[in-house]
Amino acid sequence: MVRVQTGADLGAGRHLFVGDASSQGGEAAGTTDSAAVVKNMKGTPINDMFAKNGKIREDGRMIHDMYLFEVNRPSESKGRWDDCKPLATVPGNEAFQSLDASRCPLVKK
């Protein structure tokens, strides 16, 4: 089973070099110009094994849905990797600090 951090790292690399899941490979921006690559990354939604409904905001923060889980009791587990059950999905715009509260100099207020 892939660990969370490994999944996040793989997703970040795929987003940088491939783009969204429908891309067939290659550099998504078609250039090595960093401004063009960042623009492409910010404009490409992120939906992979780590993040659902993800996007990179103008301050560079990647926001995505977060999940609340409850650990199963041993009697509830039906087999290997059946460790927890999902209780709720928190939308990314609620799970992360808002742009209004950001002190990042990249955010134009």
Foldseek 3Di string as FASTA:
>chain_A
DDDQVNQVVVQVVCCQAANEPPGPTGRPQPDPPPVSSVVRSQVGAGDDPRFDRWGQDQLRDIFGKDWDWDFDDPVPAPDPPSGIDTDDIDGRCRVDDHLVPDPRPSRDD
